[in-house]
């Protein structure tokens, strides 16, 4: 299955793209979520819903560091209702420092961003399941939060976790429906551009053995277990930044 990621510039080109995406057989139309730089993904995807009928519609990915669980759950549930049960939700730990600055927050270190992303993902899933959440930690605060209306059409809105951090990937392997391997590498000093990740070369003991792509992650088809993901990452040495 293949998905297409795009950004809405105007209604005519966006809705035409959505129609073409569905006609071409793509599994989903995805929209990036970078406030102030891209169109709001949930608004754009809601505009694509009436001109399509089958294709999935989702964010790829929303920065859990600057998005609150109740707002994400409400947006995803509303999109699911308007699309007749075709919403997707993508979350990531975030990498662009300016997105924290723009909302008046301090950007945590890698560990803090990963913990926040996991906490937000768990909270959003609970809210979409109709649960009330009370959380008060250094990563997330939400008191008596509940999504009463609208509730999603789907029993479970598919969750994509995007990233390259090993802990985040292990959590995603156990709980997410799709894992997005970004391979971004480290954010450079300008706060926007990235140092790409590359694959390590096989050691001499590995001989001519080829390094495969990661095990597939799709819970509908069984997918890969967390142990498989951990073993694959150890074997490949992934992720690793390219040398200068």
C-alpha atoms as a PDB file:
ATOM      1  CA  UNK A   1       0.000   0.000   0.000  1.00  0.00           C
ATOM      2  CA  UNK A   2       1.193   3.498  -0.838  1.00  0.00           C
ATOM      3  CA  UNK A   3       0.120   6.880   0.518  1.00  0.00           C
ATOM      4  CA  UNK A   4       0.624  10.359  -0.918  1.00  0.00           C
ATOM      5  CA  UNK A   5       1.668  13.343   1.186  1.00  0.00           C
ATOM      6  CA  UNK A   6       0.844  16.828  -0.096  1.00  0.00           C
ATOM      7  CA  UNK A   7       0.091  20.370   1.046  1.00  0.00           C
ATOM      8  CA  UNK A   8      -3.046  22.325   0.178  1.00  0.00           C
ATOM      9  CA  UNK A   9      -2.372  25.593  -1.679  1.00  0.00           C
ATOM     10  CA  UNK A  10      -5.867  26.340  -3.027  1.00  0.00           C
ATOM     11  CA  UNK A  11      -9.181  24.531  -3.056  1.00  0.00           C
ATOM     12  CA  UNK A  12      -9.282  23.663  -6.764  1.00  0.00           C
ATOM     13  CA  UNK A  13      -5.831  22.080  -7.013  1.00  0.00           C
ATOM     14  CA  UNK A  14      -6.236  20.375  -3.635  1.00  0.00           C
ATOM     15  CA  UNK A  15      -9.581  18.728  -4.395  1.00  0.00           C
ATOM     16  CA  UNK A  16      -8.351  17.729  -7.868  1.00  0.00           C
ATOM     17  CA  UNK A  17      -5.307  16.132  -6.278  1.00  0.00           C
ATOM     18  CA  UNK A  18      -7.516  14.245  -3.821  1.00  0.00           C
ATOM     19  CA  UNK A  19      -9.620  12.846  -6.686  1.00  0.00           C
ATOM     20  CA  UNK A  20      -6.528  11.838  -8.661  1.00  0.00           C
ATOM     21  CA  UNK A  21      -4.962  10.270  -5.584  1.00  0.00           C
ATOM     22  CA  UNK A  22      -8.014   8.085  -5.054  1.00  0.00           C
ATOM     23  CA  UNK A  23      -8.317   7.216  -8.759  1.00  0.00           C
ATOM     24  CA  UNK A  24      -4.667   6.163  -8.832  1.00  0.00           C
ATOM     25  CA  UNK A  25      -5.298   3.660  -6.053  1.00  0.00           C
ATOM     26  CA  UNK A  26      -3.377   5.279  -3.198  1.00  0.00           C
ATOM     27  CA  UNK A  27      -4.284   4.014   0.256  1.00  0.00           C
ATOM     28  CA  UNK A  28      -4.331   7.478   1.829  1.00  0.00           C
ATOM     29  CA  UNK A  29      -3.867  11.187   1.255  1.00  0.00           C
ATOM     30  CA  UNK A  30      -1.707  12.655   4.012  1.00  0.00           C
ATOM     31  CA  UNK A  31      -0.975  16.256   4.990  1.00  0.00           C
ATOM     32  CA  UNK A  32       1.982  17.609   6.931  1.00  0.00           C
ATOM     33  CA  UNK A  33       1.417  19.547  10.145  1.00  0.00           C
ATOM     34  CA  UNK A  34       3.822  22.471  10.591  1.00  0.00           C
ATOM     35  CA  UNK A  35       1.847  25.436  12.019  1.00  0.00           C
ATOM     36  CA  UNK A  36       2.620  28.655  10.193  1.00  0.00           C
ATOM     37  CA  UNK A  37       4.319  26.867   7.298  1.00  0.00           C
ATOM     38  CA  UNK A  38       1.731  24.402   5.974  1.00  0.00           C
ATOM     39  CA  UNK A  39      -2.039  24.393   5.740  1.00  0.00           C
ATOM     40  CA  UNK A  40      -3.887  22.986   8.734  1.00  0.00           C
ATOM     41  CA  UNK A  41      -4.012  19.264   7.907  1.00  0.00           C
ATOM     42  CA  UNK A  42      -7.407  18.528   9.426  1.00  0.00           C
ATOM     43  CA  UNK A  43      -9.113  21.464   7.695  1.00  0.00           C
ATOM     44  CA  UNK A  44      -7.494  20.578   4.363  1.00  0.00           C
ATOM     45  CA  UNK A  45      -8.397  16.905   4.667  1.00  0.00           C
ATOM     46  CA  UNK A  46     -11.983  17.756   5.608  1.00  0.00           C
ATOM     47  CA  UNK A  47     -12.161  19.644   2.295  1.00  0.00           C
ATOM     48  CA  UNK A  48     -10.921  16.513   0.509  1.00  0.00           C
ATOM     49  CA  UNK A  49     -13.522  14.279   2.141  1.00  0.00           C
ATOM     50  CA  UNK A  50     -16.575  15.273   0.006  1.00  0.00           C
ATOM     51  CA  UNK A  51     -14.729  14.693  -3.286  1.00  0.00           C
ATOM     52  CA  UNK A  52     -13.481  11.212  -2.318  1.00  0.00           C
ATOM     53  CA  UNK A  53     -15.155   8.094  -1.007  1.00  0.00           C
ATOM     54  CA  UNK A  54     -12.597   5.399  -0.206  1.00  0.00           C
ATOM     55  CA  UNK A  55      -9.160   6.863   0.403  1.00  0.00           C
ATOM     56  CA  UNK A  56      -7.867   7.393   3.944  1.00  0.00           C
ATOM     57  CA  UNK A  57      -7.222  10.977   5.119  1.00  0.00           C
ATOM     58  CA  UNK A  58      -4.680  11.794   7.770  1.00  0.00           C
ATOM     59  CA  UNK A  59      -1.959  14.002   9.224  1.00  0.00           C
ATOM     60  CA  UNK A  60       1.653  12.963   8.700  1.00  0.00           C
ATOM     61  CA  UNK A  61       2.689  13.895  11.250  1.00  0.00           C
ATOM     62  CA  UNK A  62       1.406  16.199  13.968  1.00  0.00           C
ATOM     63  CA  UNK A  63       4.015  17.417  16.431  1.00  0.00           C
ATOM     64  CA  UNK A  64       3.007  15.972  19.800  1.00  0.00           C
ATOM     65  CA  UNK A  65       5.272  18.509  21.481  1.00  0.00           C
ATOM     66  CA  UNK A  66       3.063  21.461  20.580  1.00  0.00           C
ATOM     67  CA  UNK A  67      -0.320  19.762  20.181  1.00  0.00           C
ATOM     68  CA  UNK A  68      -2.626  18.947  23.092  1.00  0.00           C
ATOM     69  CA  UNK A  69      -4.352  15.529  23.270  1.00  0.00           C
ATOM     70  CA  UNK A  70      -7.939  16.791  23.532  1.00  0.00           C
ATOM     71  CA  UNK A  71      -7.530  19.103  20.527  1.00  0.00           C
ATOM     72  CA  UNK A  72      -5.923  16.327  18.468  1.00  0.00           C
ATOM     73  CA  UNK A  73      -8.649  13.864  19.437  1.00  0.00           C
ATOM     74  CA  UNK A  74     -11.391  16.374  18.562  1.00  0.00           C
ATOM     75  CA  UNK A  75      -9.805  17.138  15.181  1.00  0.00           C
ATOM     76  CA  UNK A  76      -9.315  13.464  14.330  1.00  0.00           C
ATOM     77  CA  UNK A  77     -12.853  12.533  15.438  1.00  0.00           C
ATOM     78  CA  UNK A  78     -14.399  15.398  13.463  1.00  0.00           C
ATOM     79  CA  UNK A  79     -12.466  14.386  10.345  1.00  0.00           C
ATOM     80  CA  UNK A  80     -13.598  10.794  10.852  1.00  0.00           C
ATOM     81  CA  UNK A  81     -17.241  11.891  11.014  1.00  0.00           C
ATOM     82  CA  UNK A  82     -16.998  14.169   7.973  1.00  0.00           C
ATOM     83  CA  UNK A  83     -15.209  11.513   5.922  1.00  0.00           C
ATOM     84  CA  UNK A  84     -17.495   8.650   6.883  1.00  0.00           C
ATOM     85  CA  UNK A  85     -14.860   6.777   8.867  1.00  0.00           C
ATOM     86  CA  UNK A  86     -11.674   7.394   6.848  1.00  0.00           C
ATOM     87  CA  UNK A  87      -9.553   9.471   9.238  1.00  0.00           C
ATOM     88  CA  UNK A  88      -5.949   8.663  10.077  1.00  0.00           C
ATOM     89  CA  UNK A  89      -3.786  10.278  12.740  1.00  0.00           C
ATOM     90  CA  UNK A  90      -0.026  10.641  12.516  1.00  0.00           C
ATOM     91  CA  UNK A  91       2.078  11.736  15.491  1.00  0.00           C
ATOM     92  CA  UNK A  92       5.755  12.474  15.941  1.00  0.00           C
ATOM     93  CA  UNK A  93       8.028  13.820  18.656  1.00  0.00           C
ATOM     94  CA  UNK A  94       8.876  16.936  16.615  1.00  0.00           C
ATOM     95  CA  UNK A  95      12.240  18.226  15.471  1.00  0.00           C
ATOM     96  CA  UNK A  96      11.837  21.903  14.499  1.00  0.00           C
ATOM     97  CA  UNK A  97      12.783  24.208  17.424  1.00  0.00           C
ATOM     98  CA  UNK A  98      10.816  27.125  15.976  1.00  0.00           C
ATOM     99  CA  UNK A  99       7.526  25.283  16.502  1.00  0.00           C
ATOM    100  CA  UNK A 100       8.085  25.304  20.278  1.00  0.00           C
ATOM    101  CA  UNK A 101       9.207  28.932  20.260  1.00  0.00           C
ATOM    102  CA  UNK A 102       6.090  29.962  18.315  1.00  0.00           C
ATOM    103  CA  UNK A 103       3.761  28.627  21.024  1.00  0.00           C
ATOM    104  CA  UNK A 104       5.871  29.876  23.930  1.00  0.00           C
ATOM    105  CA  UNK A 105       7.271  26.545  25.043  1.00  0.00           C
ATOM    106  CA  UNK A 106      10.792  25.308  25.668  1.00  0.00           C
ATOM    107  CA  UNK A 107      11.915  22.499  23.392  1.00  0.00           C
ATOM    108  CA  UNK A 108      12.880  19.461  25.521  1.00  0.00           C
ATOM    109  CA  UNK A 109      15.840  17.201  24.874  1.00  0.00           C
ATOM    110  CA  UNK A 110      15.356  14.022  22.827  1.00  0.00           C
ATOM    111  CA  UNK A 111      14.264  11.951  25.811  1.00  0.00           C
ATOM    112  CA  UNK A 112      11.725  14.564  26.867  1.00  0.00           C
ATOM    113  CA  UNK A 113      10.283  14.831  23.359  1.00  0.00           C
ATOM    114  CA  UNK A 114       9.932  11.056  23.103  1.00  0.00           C
ATOM    115  CA  UNK A 115       8.245  10.783  26.511  1.00  0.00           C
ATOM    116  CA  UNK A 116       5.864  13.600  25.569  1.00  0.00           C
ATOM    117  CA  UNK A 117       5.024  11.927  22.253  1.00  0.00           C
ATOM    118  CA  UNK A 118       4.220   8.606  23.924  1.00  0.00           C
ATOM    119  CA  UNK A 119       2.139  10.335  26.606  1.00  0.00           C
ATOM    120  CA  UNK A 120       0.166  12.300  23.994  1.00  0.00           C
ATOM    121  CA  UNK A 121      -0.390   9.213  21.851  1.00  0.00           C
ATOM    122  CA  UNK A 122      -1.708   7.246  24.819  1.00  0.00           C
ATOM    123  CA  UNK A 123      -3.943  10.123  25.894  1.00  0.00           C
ATOM    124  CA  UNK A 124      -5.368  10.667  22.394  1.00  0.00           C
ATOM    125  CA  UNK A 125      -6.147   6.988  22.031  1.00  0.00           C
ATOM    126  CA  UNK A 126      -7.910   6.932  25.410  1.00  0.00           C
ATOM    127  CA  UNK A 127      -9.947  10.034  24.525  1.00  0.00           C
ATOM    128  CA  UNK A 128     -11.011   8.542  21.184  1.00  0.00           C
ATOM    129  CA  UNK A 129     -12.114   5.443  23.108  1.00  0.00           C
ATOM    130  CA  UNK A 130     -14.421   7.620  25.201  1.00  0.00           C
ATOM    131  CA  UNK A 131     -12.316   7.582  28.353  1.00  0.00           C
ATOM    132  CA  UNK A 132     -11.704  10.478  30.701  1.00  0.00           C
ATOM    133  CA  UNK A 133      -8.044  11.244  31.327  1.00  0.00           C
ATOM    134  CA  UNK A 134      -6.314  12.824  34.299  1.00  0.00           C
ATOM    135  CA  UNK A 135      -2.583  13.257  33.817  1.00  0.00           C
ATOM    136  CA  UNK A 136      -0.150  15.476  35.698  1.00  0.00           C
ATOM    137  CA  UNK A 137       3.455  14.765  34.780  1.00  0.00           C
ATOM    138  CA  UNK A 138       6.414  16.795  33.597  1.00  0.00           C
ATOM    139  CA  UNK A 139       5.545  15.768  30.008  1.00  0.00           C
ATOM    140  CA  UNK A 140       1.777  16.227  29.990  1.00  0.00           C
ATOM    141  CA  UNK A 141      -0.968  17.839  32.048  1.00  0.00           C
ATOM    142  CA  UNK A 142      -4.658  17.151  31.353  1.00  0.00           C
ATOM    143  CA  UNK A 143      -7.378  17.316  33.968  1.00  0.00           C
ATOM    144  CA  UNK A 144     -10.763  15.629  33.599  1.00  0.00           C
ATOM    145  CA  UNK A 145     -10.384  15.716  29.820  1.00  0.00           C
ATOM    146  CA  UNK A 146     -13.066  13.870  27.875  1.00  0.00           C
ATOM    147  CA  UNK A 147     -14.231  13.794  24.260  1.00  0.00           C
ATOM    148  CA  UNK A 148     -18.022  13.709  24.379  1.00  0.00           C
ATOM    149  CA  UNK A 149     -18.845  14.819  20.833  1.00  0.00           C
ATOM    150  CA  UNK A 150     -18.308  14.085  18.083  1.00  0.00           C
ATOM    151  CA  UNK A 151     -17.173  10.512  18.564  1.00  0.00           C
ATOM    152  CA  UNK A 152     -15.351   8.824  15.689  1.00  0.00           C
ATOM    153  CA  UNK A 153     -17.127   6.527  13.255  1.00  0.00           C
ATOM    154  CA  UNK A 154     -14.337   3.977  13.309  1.00  0.00           C
ATOM    155  CA  UNK A 155     -13.852   1.783  16.339  1.00  0.00           C
ATOM    156  CA  UNK A 156     -10.174   2.680  16.144  1.00  0.00           C
ATOM    157  CA  UNK A 157      -8.705   5.525  14.101  1.00  0.00           C
ATOM    158  CA  UNK A 158      -5.420   4.172  12.674  1.00  0.00           C
ATOM    159  CA  UNK A 159      -2.399   5.694  14.405  1.00  0.00           C
ATOM    160  CA  UNK A 160       0.917   6.330  12.667  1.00  0.00           C
ATOM    161  CA  UNK A 161       4.030   7.068  14.727  1.00  0.00           C
ATOM    162  CA  UNK A 162       6.768   8.787  12.771  1.00  0.00           C
ATOM    163  CA  UNK A 163      10.355   8.975  13.940  1.00  0.00           C
ATOM    164  CA  UNK A 164      13.736   7.312  14.190  1.00  0.00           C
ATOM    165  CA  UNK A 165      14.334   7.166  17.947  1.00  0.00           C
ATOM    166  CA  UNK A 166      14.744   3.555  19.095  1.00  0.00           C
ATOM    167  CA  UNK A 167      12.498   3.914  22.153  1.00  0.00           C
ATOM    168  CA  UNK A 168       9.770   5.564  20.115  1.00  0.00           C
ATOM    169  CA  UNK A 169       9.992   2.848  17.474  1.00  0.00           C
ATOM    170  CA  UNK A 170       9.712   0.117  20.106  1.00  0.00           C
ATOM    171  CA  UNK A 171       6.572   1.773  21.501  1.00  0.00           C
ATOM    172  CA  UNK A 172       5.186   2.168  17.996  1.00  0.00           C
ATOM    173  CA  UNK A 173       5.914  -1.470  17.197  1.00  0.00           C
ATOM    174  CA  UNK A 174       3.771  -2.489  20.159  1.00  0.00           C
ATOM    175  CA  UNK A 175       0.938   0.053  19.949  1.00  0.00           C
ATOM    176  CA  UNK A 176       0.721   1.917  16.630  1.00  0.00           C
ATOM    177  CA  UNK A 177      -0.952   0.729  13.439  1.00  0.00           C
ATOM    178  CA  UNK A 178       1.747   2.122  11.135  1.00  0.00           C
ATOM    179  CA  UNK A 179       5.374   3.048  11.760  1.00  0.00           C
ATOM    180  CA  UNK A 180       6.847   5.888   9.712  1.00  0.00           C
ATOM    181  CA  UNK A 181      10.647   5.663   9.487  1.00  0.00           C
ATOM    182  CA  UNK A 182      11.742   9.236   8.908  1.00  0.00           C
ATOM    183  CA  UNK A 183      15.504   8.790   8.751  1.00  0.00           C
ATOM    184  CA  UNK A 184      15.844  12.546   9.249  1.00  0.00           C
ATOM    185  CA  UNK A 185      19.010  12.417  11.309  1.00  0.00           C
ATOM    186  CA  UNK A 186      20.008  15.362  13.468  1.00  0.00           C
ATOM    187  CA  UNK A 187      18.493  18.833  13.207  1.00  0.00           C
ATOM    188  CA  UNK A 188      21.142  21.348  12.179  1.00  0.00           C
ATOM    189  CA  UNK A 189      21.897  24.626  13.945  1.00  0.00           C
ATOM    190  CA  UNK A 190      19.423  26.593  11.815  1.00  0.00           C
ATOM    191  CA  UNK A 191      16.611  24.601  13.429  1.00  0.00           C
ATOM    192  CA  UNK A 192      15.027  23.538  10.141  1.00  0.00           C
ATOM    193  CA  UNK A 193      17.434  21.655   7.884  1.00  0.00           C
ATOM    194  CA  UNK A 194      18.456  18.143   8.788  1.00  0.00           C
ATOM    195  CA  UNK A 195      21.528  15.978   8.602  1.00  0.00           C
ATOM    196  CA  UNK A 196      20.362  12.839   6.769  1.00  0.00           C
ATOM    197  CA  UNK A 197      20.631   9.380   8.237  1.00  0.00           C
ATOM    198  CA  UNK A 198      22.408   6.732   6.219  1.00  0.00           C
ATOM    199  CA  UNK A 199      22.720   2.982   6.474  1.00  0.00           C
ATOM    200  CA  UNK A 200      25.899   1.621   8.090  1.00  0.00           C
ATOM    201  CA  UNK A 201      28.093  -0.571   5.935  1.00  0.00           C
ATOM    202  CA  UNK A 202      28.129  -4.294   6.733  1.00  0.00           C
ATOM    203  CA  UNK A 203      31.037  -5.439   8.871  1.00  0.00           C
ATOM    204  CA  UNK A 204      33.448  -7.999   7.492  1.00  0.00           C
ATOM    205  CA  UNK A 205      31.841 -10.690   9.656  1.00  0.00           C
ATOM    206  CA  UNK A 206      28.561 -10.129   7.843  1.00  0.00           C
ATOM    207  CA  UNK A 207      30.148 -10.776   4.499  1.00  0.00           C
ATOM    208  CA  UNK A 208      27.841 -10.244   1.574  1.00  0.00           C
ATOM    209  CA  UNK A 209      24.680 -10.491   3.668  1.00  0.00           C
ATOM    210  CA  UNK A 210      22.304  -7.715   2.645  1.00  0.00           C
ATOM    211  CA  UNK A 211      20.622  -5.410   5.147  1.00  0.00           C
ATOM    212  CA  UNK A 212      16.921  -5.614   4.576  1.00  0.00           C
ATOM    213  CA  UNK A 213      14.307  -2.935   4.996  1.00  0.00           C
ATOM    214  CA  UNK A 214      12.630  -2.960   8.408  1.00  0.00           C
ATOM    215  CA  UNK A 215       9.998  -5.595   9.197  1.00  0.00           C
ATOM    216  CA  UNK A 216       6.550  -4.539   8.031  1.00  0.00           C
ATOM    217  CA  UNK A 217       4.297  -3.006  10.644  1.00  0.00           C
ATOM    218  CA  UNK A 218       0.621  -3.396   9.996  1.00  0.00           C
ATOM    219  CA  UNK A 219      -1.522  -4.767  12.795  1.00  0.00           C
ATOM    220  CA  UNK A 220      -4.241  -5.845  10.406  1.00  0.00           C
ATOM    221  CA  UNK A 221      -1.868  -8.319   8.817  1.00  0.00           C
ATOM    222  CA  UNK A 222      -0.130  -9.447  11.988  1.00  0.00           C
ATOM    223  CA  UNK A 223       2.808  -7.101  11.625  1.00  0.00           C
ATOM    224  CA  UNK A 224       6.135  -7.116  13.399  1.00  0.00           C
ATOM    225  CA  UNK A 225       6.502  -7.603  17.133  1.00  0.00           C
ATOM    226  CA  UNK A 226       8.467  -5.164  19.313  1.00  0.00           C
ATOM    227  CA  UNK A 227      11.154  -7.856  19.628  1.00  0.00           C
ATOM    228  CA  UNK A 228      11.476  -8.027  15.836  1.00  0.00           C
ATOM    229  CA  UNK A 229      11.893  -4.244  15.637  1.00  0.00           C
ATOM    230  CA  UNK A 230      14.537  -4.264  18.376  1.00  0.00           C
ATOM    231  CA  UNK A 231      16.450  -7.106  16.729  1.00  0.00           C
ATOM    232  CA  UNK A 232      16.303  -5.393  13.343  1.00  0.00           C
ATOM    233  CA  UNK A 233      17.604  -2.090  14.732  1.00  0.00           C
ATOM    234  CA  UNK A 234      20.474  -3.809  16.539  1.00  0.00           C
ATOM    235  CA  UNK A 235      21.428  -5.794  13.458  1.00  0.00           C
ATOM    236  CA  UNK A 236      21.407  -2.830  11.088  1.00  0.00           C
ATOM    237  CA  UNK A 237      22.764  -0.287  13.523  1.00  0.00           C
ATOM    238  CA  UNK A 238      19.925   2.000  12.379  1.00  0.00           C
ATOM    239  CA  UNK A 239      19.553   4.929  12.713  1.00  0.00           C
ATOM    240  CA  UNK A 240      22.991   6.471  12.232  1.00  0.00           C
ATOM    241  CA  UNK A 241      23.978   9.844  10.814  1.00  0.00           C
ATOM    242  CA  UNK A 242      26.037  10.084   7.663  1.00  0.00           C
ATOM    243  CA  UNK A 243      29.647  11.163   8.133  1.00  0.00           C
ATOM    244  CA  UNK A 244      30.515  14.763   7.314  1.00  0.00           C
END
